[in-house]
Amino acid sequence: MNRRFATIAAFFHEMTHQRYVIPLLHHWMEFATEKSFTWRDLNTLGWPDFSQLWLE
């Protein structure tokens, strides 16, 4: 099991390190607590609507 996990982790590390894949992290809850940004609305998938972002 650990060997399998290490193989998968190495594969994804290489994919992101070579920039074949750039992960988009879905951490909108962190943005909700961030004081410098205000999110007006989330889209239907729960992602922030970047067109509605403003700084306070």
Protein backbone atom coordinates (compact mmCIF):
# COMPACT_ATOMS: atom_id res chain seq x y z
CA MET A 1 0.00 0.00 0.00
CA ASN A 2 2.76 2.49 0.91
CA ARG A 3 4.67 1.59 -2.26
CA ARG A 4 1.55 2.22 -4.34
CA PHE A 5 0.99 5.58 -2.64
CA ALA A 6 4.62 6.57 -3.19
CA THR A 7 4.36 5.68 -6.89
CA ILE A 8 1.19 7.75 -7.32
CA ALA A 9 2.66 10.66 -5.37
CA ALA A 10 5.82 10.60 -7.49
CA PHE A 11 3.74 10.53 -10.68
CA PHE A 12 1.66 13.56 -9.68
CA HIS A 13 4.73 15.40 -8.41
CA GLU A 14 6.39 14.94 -11.79
CA MET A 15 3.25 16.01 -13.66
CA THR A 16 2.99 19.25 -11.67
CA HIS A 17 6.75 19.86 -11.56
CA GLN A 18 7.00 19.65 -15.36
CA ARG A 19 3.85 21.83 -15.57
CA TYR A 20 1.93 19.31 -17.64
CA VAL A 21 -0.85 19.82 -15.12
CA ILE A 22 -1.39 22.95 -13.03
CA PRO A 23 -3.82 22.18 -10.21
CA LEU A 24 -6.49 24.73 -9.41
CA LEU A 25 -7.12 24.47 -5.71
CA HIS A 26 -10.70 24.78 -4.56
CA HIS A 27 -10.24 26.61 -1.27
CA TRP A 28 -12.95 29.23 -1.41
CA MET A 29 -13.45 28.98 2.35
CA GLU A 30 -9.95 30.41 2.86
CA PHE A 31 -10.91 33.35 0.67
CA ALA A 32 -14.02 33.92 2.74
CA THR A 33 -11.85 34.51 5.81
CA GLU A 34 -9.29 36.63 3.95
CA LYS A 35 -9.80 40.26 5.03
CA SER A 36 -8.34 41.94 1.94
CA PHE A 37 -10.67 40.30 -0.59
CA THR A 38 -14.43 40.27 -0.80
CA TRP A 39 -16.21 37.67 -2.90
CA ARG A 40 -19.54 38.87 -4.16
CA ASP A 41 -20.79 35.58 -5.52
CA LEU A 42 -19.87 31.98 -6.21
CA ASN A 43 -20.69 30.27 -9.49
CA THR A 44 -22.82 27.13 -9.74
CA LEU A 45 -19.79 24.91 -9.09
CA GLY A 46 -18.93 26.75 -5.86
CA TRP A 47 -15.93 28.60 -7.32
CA PRO A 48 -15.51 32.34 -6.73
CA ASP A 49 -16.64 34.51 -9.62
CA PHE A 50 -13.39 36.33 -10.41
CA SER A 51 -15.24 39.01 -12.38
CA GLN A 52 -16.94 40.03 -9.12
CA LEU A 53 -13.80 40.30 -6.95
CA TRP A 54 -12.83 43.60 -5.40
CA LEU A 55 -10.35 44.79 -2.79
CA GLU A 56 -11.54 46.52 0.34
